[in-house]
Amino acid sequence: MSIADSAPLQILAEGFVTIPGGPGTGLVFEGHGIESVARGTTAQGSFDLVLDRGLIGNAGAVEAVPQLPLITPPDPNVRTIVTLLGIAPPGTFTIAVSYFASFLPGVGARIVSVVTTDISLVPTDPAGGFSFIVLRGFGGGPVP
């Protein structure tokens, strides 16, 4: 048993994604557990975080739950916390997080997608970027 196996919570990845050139420009990542960060499906407000292949205990993916079909959902004990950085009025932004499963059986999700929108649900970059933590809990079963 490793130290990571005995912890009630295990951080898989954490860091900051900033946009120094302003909305719609290049992204800068600082942290660990992420192989790359790229724009998602829109020019603003959509970010794909590719998990590092060397993560402890999961070979670079949010572990799959062993069930059919071959593309299995990610482990229900995994949670992602996103905090927007910068100054904005309360209620200005919404945050959505999705996990994209690999097509390889039993691999799980390697991409964590974060989408931020303005109050009218238009994808928008947060002024200061965002911080995030991807973590897994142990022993308590799925968290509702």
Protein backbone atom coordinates (compact mmCIF):
# COMPACT_ATOMS: atom_id res chain seq x y z
CA MET A 1 0.00 0.00 0.00
CA SER A 2 1.31 3.46 -0.90
CA ILE A 3 0.74 6.70 0.99
CA ALA A 4 -1.69 7.76 -1.76
CA ASP A 5 -3.77 4.59 -1.19
CA SER A 6 -4.33 5.44 2.47
CA ALA A 7 -5.53 9.02 1.98
CA PRO A 8 -9.30 9.75 2.19
CA LEU A 9 -8.88 12.28 -0.65
CA GLN A 10 -6.37 12.09 -3.47
CA ILE A 11 -5.64 15.14 -5.63
CA LEU A 12 -5.20 14.01 -9.23
CA ALA A 13 -4.53 17.43 -10.74
CA GLU A 14 -4.55 21.05 -9.64
CA GLY A 15 -3.45 24.39 -10.93
CA PHE A 16 -4.25 27.70 -12.55
CA VAL A 17 -5.25 28.48 -16.13
CA THR A 18 -4.68 32.15 -16.92
CA ILE A 19 -5.25 34.24 -20.04
CA PRO A 20 -2.53 36.94 -19.89
CA GLY A 21 -3.36 38.43 -23.29
CA GLY A 22 -7.04 38.88 -22.41
CA PRO A 23 -10.19 37.01 -23.47
CA GLY A 24 -9.87 34.82 -26.55
CA THR A 25 -6.05 34.74 -26.49
CA GLY A 26 -3.49 32.08 -25.51
CA LEU A 27 -3.71 30.06 -22.28
CA VAL A 28 -1.02 29.59 -19.63
CA PHE A 29 -1.12 26.62 -17.24
CA GLU A 30 0.68 26.40 -13.89
CA GLY A 31 0.24 23.36 -11.70
CA HIS A 32 0.57 19.57 -11.87
CA GLY A 33 -1.32 16.55 -13.17
CA ILE A 34 -2.21 18.13 -16.51
CA GLU A 35 -0.42 17.21 -19.73
CA SER A 36 -1.88 20.06 -21.79
CA VAL A 37 -4.55 22.77 -21.79
CA ALA A 38 -6.26 23.88 -25.00
CA ARG A 39 -9.29 25.79 -26.15
CA GLY A 40 -12.35 23.59 -26.43
CA THR A 41 -15.21 23.95 -28.89
CA THR A 42 -15.53 27.75 -28.76
CA ALA A 43 -13.07 30.66 -29.09
CA GLN A 44 -13.86 31.73 -25.52
CA GLY A 45 -15.06 30.03 -22.37
CA SER A 46 -14.25 26.43 -23.33
CA PHE A 47 -11.13 24.72 -21.98
CA ASP A 48 -9.93 21.10 -22.35
CA LEU A 49 -7.56 19.85 -19.64
CA VAL A 50 -5.77 16.63 -20.66
CA LEU A 51 -4.76 14.62 -17.60
CA ASP A 52 -1.11 13.62 -17.26
CA ARG A 53 -0.42 9.97 -18.14
CA GLY A 54 1.72 9.62 -15.02
CA LEU A 55 -0.92 10.27 -12.38
CA ILE A 56 -0.80 8.10 -9.25
CA GLY A 57 -2.92 4.99 -9.55
CA ASN A 58 -4.88 5.79 -12.68
CA ALA A 59 -2.52 5.86 -15.68
CA GLY A 60 -3.60 9.35 -16.69
CA ALA A 61 -7.38 9.01 -16.61
CA VAL A 62 -10.30 9.36 -14.26
CA GLU A 63 -10.83 5.66 -13.71
CA ALA A 64 -13.72 3.96 -15.44
CA VAL A 65 -16.45 2.15 -13.55
CA PRO A 66 -16.31 -1.51 -14.70
CA GLN A 67 -19.56 -1.89 -16.63
CA LEU A 68 -20.81 -2.10 -20.20
CA PRO A 69 -20.70 -0.53 -22.79
CA LEU A 70 -16.99 -0.37 -23.55
CA ILE A 71 -16.94 3.40 -23.12
CA THR A 72 -17.58 3.44 -19.39
CA PRO A 73 -18.42 6.45 -17.25
CA PRO A 74 -15.74 7.94 -15.00
CA ASP A 75 -15.41 6.98 -11.35
CA PRO A 76 -18.33 8.63 -9.48
CA ASN A 77 -16.00 9.42 -6.57
CA VAL A 78 -14.07 11.95 -8.70
CA ARG A 79 -14.91 15.61 -8.28
CA THR A 80 -13.64 18.78 -9.94
CA ILE A 81 -13.65 22.14 -8.17
CA VAL A 82 -13.34 25.26 -10.34
CA THR A 83 -12.88 28.77 -8.95
CA LEU A 84 -12.95 31.74 -11.31
CA LEU A 85 -10.21 34.34 -10.83
CA GLY A 86 -10.64 38.09 -11.24
CA ILE A 87 -13.35 40.55 -10.35
CA ALA A 88 -16.90 40.08 -11.61
CA PRO A 89 -20.33 40.85 -10.15
CA PRO A 90 -21.99 37.90 -8.35
CA GLY A 91 -24.00 35.66 -10.66
CA THR A 92 -22.15 36.86 -13.76
CA PHE A 93 -20.62 33.49 -14.66
CA THR A 94 -21.70 29.87 -14.68
CA ILE A 95 -19.33 26.89 -14.71
CA ALA A 96 -19.88 23.43 -16.21
CA VAL A 97 -17.46 20.48 -15.98
CA SER A 98 -17.59 17.35 -18.18
CA TYR A 99 -15.37 14.27 -18.40
CA PHE A 100 -14.66 12.83 -21.87
CA ALA A 101 -14.12 9.08 -21.81
CA SER A 102 -11.44 7.37 -23.85
CA PHE A 103 -12.54 4.94 -26.55
CA LEU A 104 -10.21 2.32 -25.05
CA PRO A 105 -12.04 -0.15 -22.77
CA GLY A 106 -11.41 0.43 -19.09
CA VAL A 107 -9.34 3.60 -19.53
CA GLY A 108 -11.85 6.16 -18.26
CA ALA A 109 -11.74 9.89 -18.92
CA ARG A 110 -8.50 11.62 -19.91
CA ILE A 111 -10.02 15.00 -20.73
CA VAL A 112 -11.72 17.28 -18.23
CA SER A 113 -13.67 19.98 -20.08
CA VAL A 114 -14.46 23.25 -18.30
CA VAL A 115 -16.97 25.71 -19.81
CA THR A 116 -17.60 29.18 -18.39
CA THR A 117 -20.50 31.31 -19.59
CA ASP A 118 -21.80 34.78 -18.90
CA ILE A 119 -25.24 35.47 -17.44
CA SER A 120 -26.87 34.97 -20.87
CA LEU A 121 -25.11 31.55 -21.20
CA VAL A 122 -22.70 32.72 -23.92
CA PRO A 123 -19.26 31.06 -23.50
CA THR A 124 -16.97 33.74 -22.06
CA ASP A 125 -13.43 33.73 -20.69
CA PRO A 126 -13.18 34.71 -17.01
CA ALA A 127 -11.02 37.85 -16.79
CA GLY A 128 -8.41 36.33 -14.48
CA GLY A 129 -8.68 32.73 -15.67
CA PHE A 130 -9.51 29.99 -13.15
CA SER A 131 -8.06 27.61 -10.63
CA PHE A 132 -9.10 23.97 -10.43
CA ILE A 133 -8.66 20.80 -8.41
CA VAL A 134 -9.52 17.31 -9.69
CA LEU A 135 -9.76 14.96 -6.72
CA ARG A 136 -10.95 11.47 -5.84
CA GLY A 137 -12.50 10.40 -2.56
CA PHE A 138 -12.13 6.93 -1.05
CA GLY A 139 -14.25 4.78 1.17
CA GLY A 140 -17.51 6.68 1.12
CA GLY A 141 -19.00 5.52 -2.18
CA PRO A 142 -20.53 7.87 -4.72
CA VAL A 143 -21.30 11.35 -3.49
CA PRO A 144 -24.84 12.41 -4.55
